[in-house]
Amino acid sequence: MVGQELTKELTEKVYQAIENSKNSVKKGSNEVTKTLEKGKAKLVAIASDVSPPEIVLHLPLLGKEKNIPVVQVGTKEELGAAAGLGIPTSAVAVMEASDALINEIRKVSTK
């Protein structure tokens, strides 16, 4: 597992946040890494079926260092579709997400 695993309801909220922020989303592990390093991401979502997992293994550590939640969602196809791509993607960084969603994710991750 890479990233905080979420409930189905919270996963849907993450997908909704990605869909609502299509213009301020970075896609793919390289772009997400750069966005995390700069501290510009508010939320990072990683697909659960990334292979090999080493591609995204560093993202939760970077997120923890920068105090940015990193969560695990469904498949690469679902994540790509939520980001408005016609292709699968391994990770997405959201730069505009509601504080309510971020706080809800943080509550789950501290349990």
PDB file of N, CA and C in Angstrom:
ATOM      1  N   MET A   1       0.835  -1.185   0.000  1.00  0.00           N
ATOM      2  CA  MET A   1       0.000   0.000   0.000  1.00  0.00           C
ATOM      3  C   MET A   1       0.881   1.250   0.000  1.00  0.00           C
ATOM      4  N   VAL A   2       0.506   2.212  -0.820  1.00  0.00           N
ATOM      5  CA  VAL A   2       1.212   3.479  -0.894  1.00  0.00           C
ATOM      6  C   VAL A   2       0.205   4.585  -0.623  1.00  0.00           C
ATOM      7  N   GLY A   3       0.402   5.359   0.418  1.00  0.00           N
ATOM      8  CA  GLY A   3      -0.533   6.429   0.742  1.00  0.00           C
ATOM      9  C   GLY A   3      -1.615   5.952   1.697  1.00  0.00           C
ATOM     10  N   GLN A   4      -2.316   6.903   2.293  1.00  0.00           N
ATOM     11  CA  GLN A   4      -3.400   6.617   3.234  1.00  0.00           C
ATOM     12  C   GLN A   4      -4.599   6.038   2.498  1.00  0.00           C
ATOM     13  N   GLU A   5      -5.074   4.872   2.936  1.00  0.00           N
ATOM     14  CA  GLU A   5      -6.257   4.254   2.340  1.00  0.00           C
ATOM     15  C   GLU A   5      -7.510   4.930   2.896  1.00  0.00           C
ATOM     16  N   LEU A   6      -8.480   5.179   2.035  1.00  0.00           N
ATOM     17  CA  LEU A   6      -9.680   5.921   2.416  1.00  0.00           C
ATOM     18  C   LEU A   6     -10.932   5.072   2.306  1.00  0.00           C
ATOM     19  N   THR A   7     -12.001   5.540   2.956  1.00  0.00           N
ATOM     20  CA  THR A   7     -13.308   4.907   2.787  1.00  0.00           C
ATOM     21  C   THR A   7     -13.819   5.220   1.389  1.00  0.00           C
ATOM     22  N   LYS A   8     -14.821   4.488   0.961  1.00  0.00           N
ATOM     23  CA  LYS A   8     -15.392   4.713  -0.368  1.00  0.00           C
ATOM     24  C   LYS A   8     -15.962   6.129  -0.487  1.00  0.00           C
ATOM     25  N   GLU A   9     -16.628   6.582   0.563  1.00  0.00           N
ATOM     26  CA  GLU A   9     -17.227   7.922   0.559  1.00  0.00           C
ATOM     27  C   GLU A   9     -16.159   9.008   0.438  1.00  0.00           C
ATOM     28  N   LEU A  10     -15.078   8.871   1.186  1.00  0.00           N
ATOM     29  CA  LEU A  10     -14.012   9.860   1.143  1.00  0.00           C
ATOM     30  C   LEU A  10     -13.252   9.797  -0.186  1.00  0.00           C
ATOM     31  N   THR A  11     -13.110   8.604  -0.737  1.00  0.00           N
ATOM     32  CA  THR A  11     -12.482   8.454  -2.047  1.00  0.00           C
ATOM     33  C   THR A  11     -13.283   9.208  -3.099  1.00  0.00           C
ATOM     34  N   GLU A  12     -14.611   9.105  -3.042  1.00  0.00           N
ATOM     35  CA  GLU A  12     -15.464   9.839  -3.983  1.00  0.00           C
ATOM     36  C   GLU A  12     -15.276  11.348  -3.837  1.00  0.00           C
ATOM     37  N   LYS A  13     -15.104  11.818  -2.606  1.00  0.00           N
ATOM     38  CA  LYS A  13     -14.871  13.249  -2.377  1.00  0.00           C
ATOM     39  C   LYS A  13     -13.536  13.678  -2.976  1.00  0.00           C
ATOM     40  N   VAL A  14     -12.534  12.817  -2.895  1.00  0.00           N
ATOM     41  CA  VAL A  14     -11.229  13.121  -3.490  1.00  0.00           C
ATOM     42  C   VAL A  14     -11.367  13.209  -4.999  1.00  0.00           C
ATOM     43  N   TYR A  15     -12.064  12.236  -5.610  1.00  0.00           N
ATOM     44  CA  TYR A  15     -12.294  12.281  -7.058  1.00  0.00           C
ATOM     45  C   TYR A  15     -13.030  13.565  -7.450  1.00  0.00           C
ATOM     46  N   GLN A  16     -14.018  13.951  -6.648  1.00  0.00           N
ATOM     47  CA  GLN A  16     -14.782  15.170  -6.918  1.00  0.00           C
ATOM     48  C   GLN A  16     -13.871  16.396  -6.852  1.00  0.00           C
ATOM     49  N   ALA A  17     -12.985  16.437  -5.870  1.00  0.00           N
ATOM     50  CA  ALA A  17     -12.040  17.552  -5.741  1.00  0.00           C
ATOM     51  C   ALA A  17     -11.125  17.623  -6.955  1.00  0.00           C
ATOM     52  N   ILE A  18     -10.692  16.467  -7.443  1.00  0.00           N
ATOM     53  CA  ILE A  18      -9.835  16.424  -8.641  1.00  0.00           C
ATOM     54  C   ILE A  18     -10.612  16.932  -9.852  1.00  0.00           C
ATOM     55  N   GLU A  19     -11.846  16.455 -10.020  1.00  0.00           N
ATOM     56  CA  GLU A  19     -12.670  16.879 -11.155  1.00  0.00           C
ATOM     57  C   GLU A  19     -12.951  18.378 -11.109  1.00  0.00           C
ATOM     58  N   ASN A  20     -13.183  18.914  -9.915  1.00  0.00           N
ATOM     59  CA  ASN A  20     -13.490  20.339  -9.771  1.00  0.00           C
ATOM     60  C   ASN A  20     -12.262  21.220  -9.963  1.00  0.00           C
ATOM     61  N   SER A  21     -11.082  20.639  -9.876  1.00  0.00           N
ATOM     62  CA  SER A  21      -9.839  21.420  -9.960  1.00  0.00           C
ATOM     63  C   SER A  21      -9.010  21.053 -11.181  1.00  0.00           C
ATOM     64  N   LYS A  22      -9.645  20.620 -12.249  1.00  0.00           N
ATOM     65  CA  LYS A  22      -8.910  20.141 -13.423  1.00  0.00           C
ATOM     66  C   LYS A  22      -7.857  21.129 -13.931  1.00  0.00           C
ATOM     67  N   ASN A  23      -8.110  22.419 -13.780  1.00  0.00           N
ATOM     68  CA  ASN A  23      -7.162  23.417 -14.270  1.00  0.00           C
ATOM     69  C   ASN A  23      -5.978  23.629 -13.330  1.00  0.00           C
ATOM     70  N   SER A  24      -6.080  23.118 -12.124  1.00  0.00           N
ATOM     71  CA  SER A  24      -4.982  23.278 -11.165  1.00  0.00           C
ATOM     72  C   SER A  24      -4.526  21.930 -10.622  1.00  0.00           C
ATOM     73  N   VAL A  25      -4.390  20.972 -11.525  1.00  0.00           N
ATOM     74  CA  VAL A  25      -3.991  19.616 -11.153  1.00  0.00           C
ATOM     75  C   VAL A  25      -2.730  19.244 -11.931  1.00  0.00           C
ATOM     76  N   LYS A  26      -1.784  18.632 -11.254  1.00  0.00           N
ATOM     77  CA  LYS A  26      -0.586  18.094 -11.910  1.00  0.00           C
ATOM     78  C   LYS A  26      -0.735  16.583 -11.959  1.00  0.00           C
ATOM     79  N   LYS A  27      -0.379  15.998 -13.106  1.00  0.00           N
ATOM     80  CA  LYS A  27      -0.603  14.570 -13.315  1.00  0.00           C
ATOM     81  C   LYS A  27       0.702  13.839 -13.583  1.00  0.00           C
ATOM     82  N   GLY A  28       0.789  12.621 -13.092  1.00  0.00           N
ATOM     83  CA  GLY A  28       1.974  11.794 -13.293  1.00  0.00           C
ATOM     84  C   GLY A  28       2.947  11.929 -12.139  1.00  0.00           C
ATOM     85  N   SER A  29       3.698  10.882 -11.872  1.00  0.00           N
ATOM     86  CA  SER A  29       4.561  10.867 -10.687  1.00  0.00           C
ATOM     87  C   SER A  29       5.644  11.945 -10.729  1.00  0.00           C
ATOM     88  N   ASN A  30       6.192  12.254 -11.894  1.00  0.00           N
ATOM     89  CA  ASN A  30       7.239  13.283 -11.960  1.00  0.00           C
ATOM     90  C   ASN A  30       6.688  14.663 -11.641  1.00  0.00           C
ATOM     91  N   GLU A  31       5.575  15.030 -12.251  1.00  0.00           N
ATOM     92  CA  GLU A  31       4.970  16.346 -12.000  1.00  0.00           C
ATOM     93  C   GLU A  31       4.485  16.457 -10.553  1.00  0.00           C
ATOM     94  N   VAL A  32       3.923  15.382 -10.033  1.00  0.00           N
ATOM     95  CA  VAL A  32       3.454  15.376  -8.647  1.00  0.00           C
ATOM     96  C   VAL A  32       4.634  15.549  -7.694  1.00  0.00           C
ATOM     97  N   THR A  33       5.746  14.889  -7.980  1.00  0.00           N
ATOM     98  CA  THR A  33       6.951  15.023  -7.153  1.00  0.00           C
ATOM     99  C   THR A  33       7.414  16.473  -7.118  1.00  0.00           C
ATOM    100  N   LYS A  34       7.487  17.117  -8.284  1.00  0.00           N
ATOM    101  CA  LYS A  34       7.925  18.515  -8.346  1.00  0.00           C
ATOM    102  C   LYS A  34       6.978  19.424  -7.557  1.00  0.00           C
ATOM    103  N   THR A  35       5.683  19.189  -7.704  1.00  0.00           N
ATOM    104  CA  THR A  35       4.682  20.009  -7.019  1.00  0.00           C
ATOM    105  C   THR A  35       4.776  19.827  -5.507  1.00  0.00           C
ATOM    106  N   LEU A  36       4.991  18.594  -5.069  1.00  0.00           N
ATOM    107  CA  LEU A  36       5.165  18.327  -3.633  1.00  0.00           C
ATOM    108  C   LEU A  36       6.425  18.995  -3.099  1.00  0.00           C
ATOM    109  N   GLU A  37       7.525  18.867  -3.830  1.00  0.00           N
ATOM    110  CA  GLU A  37       8.792  19.452  -3.383  1.00  0.00           C
ATOM    111  C   GLU A  37       8.686  20.960  -3.220  1.00  0.00           C
ATOM    112  N   LYS A  38       7.905  21.600  -4.084  1.00  0.00           N
ATOM    113  CA  LYS A  38       7.726  23.052  -4.013  1.00  0.00           C
ATOM    114  C   LYS A  38       6.691  23.451  -2.963  1.00  0.00           C
ATOM    115  N   GLY A  39       5.976  22.467  -2.406  1.00  0.00           N
ATOM    116  CA  GLY A  39       4.964  22.744  -1.388  1.00  0.00           C
ATOM    117  C   GLY A  39       3.704  23.366  -1.943  1.00  0.00           C
ATOM    118  N   LYS A  40       3.446  23.170  -3.235  1.00  0.00           N
ATOM    119  CA  LYS A  40       2.285  23.792  -3.875  1.00  0.00           C
ATOM    120  C   LYS A  40       1.037  22.916  -3.857  1.00  0.00           C
ATOM    121  N   ALA A  41       1.187  21.643  -3.570  1.00  0.00           N
ATOM    122  CA  ALA A  41       0.040  20.734  -3.554  1.00  0.00           C
ATOM    123  C   ALA A  41      -0.718  20.861  -2.235  1.00  0.00           C
ATOM    124  N   LYS A  42      -2.029  20.698  -2.311  1.00  0.00           N
ATOM    125  CA  LYS A  42      -2.844  20.632  -1.094  1.00  0.00           C
ATOM    126  C   LYS A  42      -3.199  19.184  -0.781  1.00  0.00           C
ATOM    127  N   LEU A  43      -3.205  18.359  -1.837  1.00  0.00           N
ATOM    128  CA  LEU A  43      -3.618  16.964  -1.708  1.00  0.00           C
ATOM    129  C   LEU A  43      -2.995  16.170  -2.843  1.00  0.00           C
ATOM    130  N   VAL A  44      -2.542  14.959  -2.545  1.00  0.00           N
ATOM    131  CA  VAL A  44      -2.004  14.060  -3.568  1.00  0.00           C
ATOM    132  C   VAL A  44      -2.778  12.755  -3.523  1.00  0.00           C
ATOM    133  N   ALA A  45      -3.187  12.282  -4.709  1.00  0.00           N
ATOM    134  CA  ALA A  45      -3.882  10.996  -4.827  1.00  0.00           C
ATOM    135  C   ALA A  45      -3.016  10.060  -5.665  1.00  0.00           C
ATOM    136  N   ILE A  46      -2.866   8.836  -5.177  1.00  0.00           N
ATOM    137  CA  ILE A  46      -2.078   7.809  -5.862  1.00  0.00           C
ATOM    138  C   ILE A  46      -2.992   6.649  -6.201  1.00  0.00           C
ATOM    139  N   ALA A  47      -2.875   6.129  -7.418  1.00  0.00           N
ATOM    140  CA  ALA A  47      -3.667   4.968  -7.822  1.00  0.00           C
ATOM    141  C   ALA A  47      -3.178   3.726  -7.079  1.00  0.00           C
ATOM    142  N   SER A  48      -4.107   2.847  -6.757  1.00  0.00           N
ATOM    143  CA  SER A  48      -3.765   1.646  -5.979  1.00  0.00           C
ATOM    144  C   SER A  48      -3.095   0.563  -6.825  1.00  0.00           C
ATOM    145  N   ASP A  49      -3.202   0.673  -8.151  1.00  0.00           N
ATOM    146  CA  ASP A  49      -2.671  -0.380  -9.010  1.00  0.00           C
ATOM    147  C   ASP A  49      -1.409   0.025  -9.771  1.00  0.00           C
ATOM    148  N   VAL A  50      -0.627   0.933  -9.208  1.00  0.00           N
ATOM    149  CA  VAL A  50       0.618   1.361  -9.847  1.00  0.00           C
ATOM    150  C   VAL A  50       1.608   0.203  -9.809  1.00  0.00           C
ATOM    151  N   SER A  51       2.220  -0.061 -10.962  1.00  0.00           N
ATOM    152  CA  SER A  51       3.168  -1.159 -11.039  1.00  0.00           C
ATOM    153  C   SER A  51       4.380  -0.719 -11.857  1.00  0.00           C
ATOM    154  N   PRO A  52       5.552  -0.824 -11.323  1.00  0.00           N
ATOM    155  CA  PRO A  52       5.899  -1.230  -9.963  1.00  0.00           C
ATOM    156  C   PRO A  52       5.605  -0.100  -8.973  1.00  0.00           C
ATOM    157  N   PRO A  53       5.314  -0.434  -7.731  1.00  0.00           N
ATOM    158  CA  PRO A  53       4.964   0.587  -6.735  1.00  0.00           C
ATOM    159  C   PRO A  53       6.105   1.558  -6.430  1.00  0.00           C
ATOM    160  N   GLU A  54       7.332   1.177  -6.769  1.00  0.00           N
ATOM    161  CA  GLU A  54       8.485   2.037  -6.513  1.00  0.00           C
ATOM    162  C   GLU A  54       8.368   3.390  -7.220  1.00  0.00           C
ATOM    163  N   ILE A  55       7.542   3.447  -8.265  1.00  0.00           N
ATOM    164  CA  ILE A  55       7.349   4.686  -9.028  1.00  0.00           C
ATOM    165  C   ILE A  55       6.793   5.785  -8.134  1.00  0.00           C
ATOM    166  N   VAL A  56       5.936   5.419  -7.185  1.00  0.00           N
ATOM    167  CA  VAL A  56       5.266   6.409  -6.328  1.00  0.00           C
ATOM    168  C   VAL A  56       5.595   6.229  -4.843  1.00  0.00           C
ATOM    169  N   LEU A  57       6.495   5.347  -4.538  1.00  0.00           N
ATOM    170  CA  LEU A  57       6.806   5.018  -3.144  1.00  0.00           C
ATOM    171  C   LEU A  57       7.328   6.213  -2.348  1.00  0.00           C
ATOM    172  N   HIS A  58       7.967   7.146  -3.007  1.00  0.00           N
ATOM    173  CA  HIS A  58       8.540   8.311  -2.333  1.00  0.00           C
ATOM    174  C   HIS A  58       7.509   9.399  -2.025  1.00  0.00           C
ATOM    175  N   LEU A  59       6.351   9.363  -2.675  1.00  0.00           N
ATOM    176  CA  LEU A  59       5.365  10.437  -2.525  1.00  0.00           C
ATOM    177  C   LEU A  59       4.810  10.575  -1.105  1.00  0.00           C
ATOM    178  N   PRO A  60       4.440   9.487  -0.416  1.00  0.00           N
ATOM    179  CA  PRO A  60       3.965   9.656   0.960  1.00  0.00           C
ATOM    180  C   PRO A  60       5.014  10.276   1.888  1.00  0.00           C
ATOM    181  N   LEU A  61       6.278   9.942   1.679  1.00  0.00           N
ATOM    182  CA  LEU A  61       7.345  10.519   2.506  1.00  0.00           C
ATOM    183  C   LEU A  61       7.486  12.017   2.248  1.00  0.00           C
ATOM    184  N   LEU A  62       7.437  12.405   0.979  1.00  0.00           N
ATOM    185  CA  LEU A  62       7.488  13.828   0.646  1.00  0.00           C
ATOM    186  C   LEU A  62       6.284  14.564   1.212  1.00  0.00           C
ATOM    187  N   GLY A  63       5.116  13.943   1.099  1.00  0.00           N
ATOM    188  CA  GLY A  63       3.901  14.549   1.627  1.00  0.00           C
ATOM    189  C   GLY A  63       3.986  14.756   3.125  1.00  0.00           C
ATOM    190  N   LYS A  64       4.498  13.776   3.824  1.00  0.00           N
ATOM    191  CA  LYS A  64       4.634  13.890   5.280  1.00  0.00           C
ATOM    192  C   LYS A  64       5.610  15.016   5.634  1.00  0.00           C
ATOM    193  N   GLU A  65       6.699  15.091   4.897  1.00  0.00           N
ATOM    194  CA  GLU A  65       7.703  16.132   5.120  1.00  0.00           C
ATOM    195  C   GLU A  65       7.110  17.527   4.928  1.00  0.00           C
ATOM    196  N   LYS A  66       6.222  17.670   3.947  1.00  0.00           N
ATOM    197  CA  LYS A  66       5.628  18.972   3.619  1.00  0.00           C
ATOM    198  C   LYS A  66       4.261  19.176   4.271  1.00  0.00           C
ATOM    199  N   ASN A  67       3.806  18.199   5.060  1.00  0.00           N
ATOM    200  CA  ASN A  67       2.495  18.238   5.718  1.00  0.00           C
ATOM    201  C   ASN A  67       1.344  18.322   4.710  1.00  0.00           C
ATOM    202  N   ILE A  68       1.461  17.519   3.654  1.00  0.00           N
ATOM    203  CA  ILE A  68       0.445  17.444   2.608  1.00  0.00           C
ATOM    204  C   ILE A  68      -0.100  16.020   2.596  1.00  0.00           C
ATOM    205  N   PRO A  69      -1.432  15.852   2.708  1.00  0.00           N
ATOM    206  CA  PRO A  69      -1.980  14.492   2.721  1.00  0.00           C
ATOM    207  C   PRO A  69      -1.785  13.772   1.383  1.00  0.00           C
ATOM    208  N   VAL A  70      -1.363  12.521   1.480  1.00  0.00           N
ATOM    209  CA  VAL A  70      -1.197  11.657   0.312  1.00  0.00           C
ATOM    210  C   VAL A  70      -2.100  10.458   0.530  1.00  0.00           C
ATOM    211  N   VAL A  71      -3.039  10.263  -0.398  1.00  0.00           N
ATOM    212  CA  VAL A  71      -4.034   9.213  -0.236  1.00  0.00           C
ATOM    213  C   VAL A  71      -3.996   8.232  -1.398  1.00  0.00           C
ATOM    214  N   GLN A  72      -4.455   7.033  -1.114  1.00  0.00           N
ATOM    215  CA  GLN A  72      -4.563   5.996  -2.136  1.00  0.00           C
ATOM    216  C   GLN A  72      -6.013   5.919  -2.582  1.00  0.00           C
ATOM    217  N   VAL A  73      -6.214   5.930  -3.902  1.00  0.00           N
ATOM    218  CA  VAL A  73      -7.566   5.834  -4.459  1.00  0.00           C
ATOM    219  C   VAL A  73      -7.661   4.586  -5.333  1.00  0.00           C
ATOM    220  N   GLY A  74      -8.625   4.543  -6.223  1.00  0.00           N
ATOM    221  CA  GLY A  74      -8.857   3.367  -7.065  1.00  0.00           C
ATOM    222  C   GLY A  74      -7.771   3.133  -8.101  1.00  0.00           C
ATOM    223  N   THR A  75      -8.201   2.828  -9.297  1.00  0.00           N
ATOM    224  CA  THR A  75      -7.279   2.438 -10.361  1.00  0.00           C
ATOM    225  C   THR A  75      -6.692   3.652 -11.082  1.00  0.00           C
ATOM    226  N   LYS A  76      -5.645   3.373 -11.870  1.00  0.00           N
ATOM    227  CA  LYS A  76      -5.026   4.422 -12.679  1.00  0.00           C
ATOM    228  C   LYS A  76      -6.029   4.988 -13.684  1.00  0.00           C
ATOM    229  N   GLU A  77      -6.904   4.119 -14.202  1.00  0.00           N
ATOM    230  CA  GLU A  77      -7.914   4.557 -15.163  1.00  0.00           C
ATOM    231  C   GLU A  77      -8.899   5.522 -14.514  1.00  0.00           C
ATOM    232  N   GLU A  78      -9.359   5.196 -13.305  1.00  0.00           N
ATOM    233  CA  GLU A  78     -10.296   6.060 -12.587  1.00  0.00           C
ATOM    234  C   GLU A  78      -9.658   7.402 -12.247  1.00  0.00           C
ATOM    235  N   LEU A  79      -8.404   7.363 -11.837  1.00  0.00           N
ATOM    236  CA  LEU A  79      -7.697   8.588 -11.479  1.00  0.00           C
ATOM    237  C   LEU A  79      -7.473   9.462 -12.715  1.00  0.00           C
ATOM    238  N   GLY A  80      -7.108   8.846 -13.816  1.00  0.00           N
ATOM    239  CA  GLY A  80      -6.935   9.587 -15.064  1.00  0.00           C
ATOM    240  C   GLY A  80      -8.234  10.221 -15.538  1.00  0.00           C
ATOM    241  N   ALA A  81      -9.327   9.485 -15.422  1.00  0.00           N
ATOM    242  CA  ALA A  81     -10.636  10.005 -15.828  1.00  0.00           C
ATOM    243  C   ALA A  81     -11.044  11.181 -14.949  1.00  0.00           C
ATOM    244  N   ALA A  82     -10.808  11.090 -13.652  1.00  0.00           N
ATOM    245  CA  ALA A  82     -11.153  12.183 -12.735  1.00  0.00           C
ATOM    246  C   ALA A  82     -10.348  13.436 -13.056  1.00  0.00           C
ATOM    247  N   ALA A  83      -9.121  13.250 -13.534  1.00  0.00           N
ATOM    248  CA  ALA A  83      -8.249  14.381 -13.863  1.00  0.00           C
ATOM    249  C   ALA A  83      -8.514  14.920 -15.266  1.00  0.00           C
ATOM    250  N   GLY A  84      -9.454  14.307 -15.974  1.00  0.00           N
ATOM    251  CA  GLY A  84      -9.798  14.777 -17.311  1.00  0.00           C
ATOM    252  C   GLY A  84      -8.876  14.272 -18.404  1.00  0.00           C
ATOM    253  N   LEU A  85      -8.160  13.207 -18.110  1.00  0.00           N
ATOM    254  CA  LEU A  85      -7.256  12.620 -19.097  1.00  0.00           C
ATOM    255  C   LEU A  85      -7.940  11.471 -19.823  1.00  0.00           C
ATOM    256  N   GLY A  86      -7.521  11.203 -21.019  1.00  0.00           N
ATOM    257  CA  GLY A  86      -8.028  10.057 -21.751  1.00  0.00           C
ATOM    258  C   GLY A  86      -7.179   8.828 -21.519  1.00  0.00           C
ATOM    259  N   ILE A  87      -6.182   8.955 -20.655  1.00  0.00           N
ATOM    260  CA  ILE A  87      -5.255   7.852 -20.371  1.00  0.00           C
ATOM    261  C   ILE A  87      -5.121   7.684 -18.856  1.00  0.00           C
ATOM    262  N   PRO A  88      -4.667   6.517 -18.408  1.00  0.00           N
ATOM    263  CA  PRO A  88      -4.469   6.302 -16.968  1.00  0.00           C
ATOM    264  C   PRO A  88      -3.324   7.166 -16.435  1.00  0.00           C
ATOM    265  N   THR A  89      -3.348   7.450 -15.153  1.00  0.00           N
ATOM    266  CA  THR A  89      -2.240   8.152 -14.503  1.00  0.00           C
ATOM    267  C   THR A  89      -1.988   7.552 -13.131  1.00  0.00           C
ATOM    268  N   SER A  90      -0.743   7.561 -12.725  1.00  0.00           N
ATOM    269  CA  SER A  90      -0.361   6.937 -11.457  1.00  0.00           C
ATOM    270  C   SER A  90      -0.613   7.838 -10.255  1.00  0.00           C
ATOM    271  N   ALA A  91      -0.508   9.160 -10.453  1.00  0.00           N
ATOM    272  CA  ALA A  91      -0.661  10.087  -9.332  1.00  0.00           C
ATOM    273  C   ALA A  91      -1.159  11.440  -9.820  1.00  0.00           C
ATOM    274  N   VAL A  92      -1.829  12.145  -8.910  1.00  0.00           N
ATOM    275  CA  VAL A  92      -2.359  13.477  -9.206  1.00  0.00           C
ATOM    276  C   VAL A  92      -2.127  14.361  -7.984  1.00  0.00           C
ATOM    277  N   ALA A  93      -1.663  15.586  -8.229  1.00  0.00           N
ATOM    278  CA  ALA A  93      -1.529  16.574  -7.158  1.00  0.00           C
ATOM    279  C   ALA A  93      -2.586  17.651  -7.386  1.00  0.00           C
ATOM    280  N   VAL A  94      -3.388  17.904  -6.362  1.00  0.00           N
ATOM    281  CA  VAL A  94      -4.438  18.922  -6.427  1.00  0.00           C
ATOM    282  C   VAL A  94      -3.899  20.166  -5.726  1.00  0.00           C
ATOM    283  N   MET A  95      -3.924  21.294  -6.428  1.00  0.00           N
ATOM    284  CA  MET A  95      -3.394  22.520  -5.841  1.00  0.00           C
ATOM    285  C   MET A  95      -4.484  23.413  -5.261  1.00  0.00           C
ATOM    286  N   GLU A  96      -5.747  23.078  -5.530  1.00  0.00           N
ATOM    287  CA  GLU A  96      -6.866  23.812  -4.957  1.00  0.00           C
ATOM    288  C   GLU A  96      -7.878  22.810  -4.437  1.00  0.00           C
ATOM    289  N   ALA A  97      -7.897  22.623  -3.134  1.00  0.00           N
ATOM    290  CA  ALA A  97      -8.857  21.710  -2.501  1.00  0.00           C
ATOM    291  C   ALA A  97      -9.416  22.398  -1.271  1.00  0.00           C
ATOM    292  N   SER A  98     -10.639  22.056  -0.926  1.00  0.00           N
ATOM    293  CA  SER A  98     -11.280  22.701   0.220  1.00  0.00           C
ATOM    294  C   SER A  98     -10.596  22.276   1.519  1.00  0.00           C
ATOM    295  N   ASP A  99     -10.524  23.215   2.449  1.00  0.00           N
ATOM    296  CA  ASP A  99      -9.936  22.914   3.754  1.00  0.00           C
ATOM    297  C   ASP A  99     -10.743  21.848   4.482  1.00  0.00           C
ATOM    298  N   ALA A 100     -12.071  21.823   4.237  1.00  0.00           N
ATOM    299  CA  ALA A 100     -12.933  20.818   4.879  1.00  0.00           C
ATOM    300  C   ALA A 100     -12.518  19.412   4.450  1.00  0.00           C
ATOM    301  N   LEU A 101     -12.252  19.228   3.157  1.00  0.00           N
ATOM    302  CA  LEU A 101     -11.832  17.918   2.655  1.00  0.00           C
ATOM    303  C   LEU A 101     -10.471  17.545   3.230  1.00  0.00           C
ATOM    304  N   ILE A 102      -9.543  18.481   3.232  1.00  0.00           N
ATOM    305  CA  ILE A 102      -8.204  18.215   3.759  1.00  0.00           C
ATOM    306  C   ILE A 102      -8.292  17.815   5.233  1.00  0.00           C
ATOM    307  N   ASN A 103      -9.090  18.537   6.004  1.00  0.00           N
ATOM    308  CA  ASN A 103      -9.254  18.219   7.426  1.00  0.00           C
ATOM    309  C   ASN A 103      -9.890  16.854   7.627  1.00  0.00           C
ATOM    310  N   GLU A 104     -10.866  16.513   6.780  1.00  0.00           N
ATOM    311  CA  GLU A 104     -11.522  15.205   6.875  1.00  0.00           C
ATOM    312  C   GLU A 104     -10.521  14.086   6.601  1.00  0.00           C
ATOM    313  N   ILE A 105      -9.660  14.281   5.615  1.00  0.00           N
ATOM    314  CA  ILE A 105      -8.637  13.282   5.294  1.00  0.00           C
ATOM    315  C   ILE A 105      -7.640  13.168   6.438  1.00  0.00           C
ATOM    316  N   ARG A 106      -7.257  14.274   7.008  1.00  0.00           N
ATOM    317  CA  ARG A 106      -6.303  14.248   8.126  1.00  0.00           C
ATOM    318  C   ARG A 106      -6.877  13.521   9.336  1.00  0.00           C
ATOM    319  N   LYS A 107      -8.185  13.672   9.579  1.00  0.00           N
ATOM    320  CA  LYS A 107      -8.825  12.969  10.688  1.00  0.00           C
ATOM    321  C   LYS A 107      -8.724  11.459  10.501  1.00  0.00           C
ATOM    322  N   VAL A 108      -8.974  11.012   9.277  1.00  0.00           N
ATOM    323  CA  VAL A 108      -8.919   9.586   8.970  1.00  0.00           C
ATOM    324  C   VAL A 108      -7.490   9.065   9.111  1.00  0.00           C
ATOM    325  N   SER A 109      -6.524   9.853   8.661  1.00  0.00           N
ATOM    326  CA  SER A 109      -5.140   9.389   8.667  1.00  0.00           C
ATOM    327  C   SER A 109      -4.531   9.355  10.062  1.00  0.00           C
ATOM    328  N   THR A 110      -5.131  10.049  11.029  1.00  0.00           N
ATOM    329  CA  THR A 110      -4.590  10.017  12.387  1.00  0.00           C
ATOM    330  C   THR A 110      -5.198   8.918  13.236  1.00  0.00           C
ATOM    331  N   LYS A 111      -6.175   8.187  12.688  1.00  0.00           N
ATOM    332  CA  LYS A 111      -6.804   7.096  13.445  1.00  0.00           C
ATOM    333  C   LYS A 111      -5.917   5.896  13.497  1.00  0.00           C
TER     334      LYS A 111
END
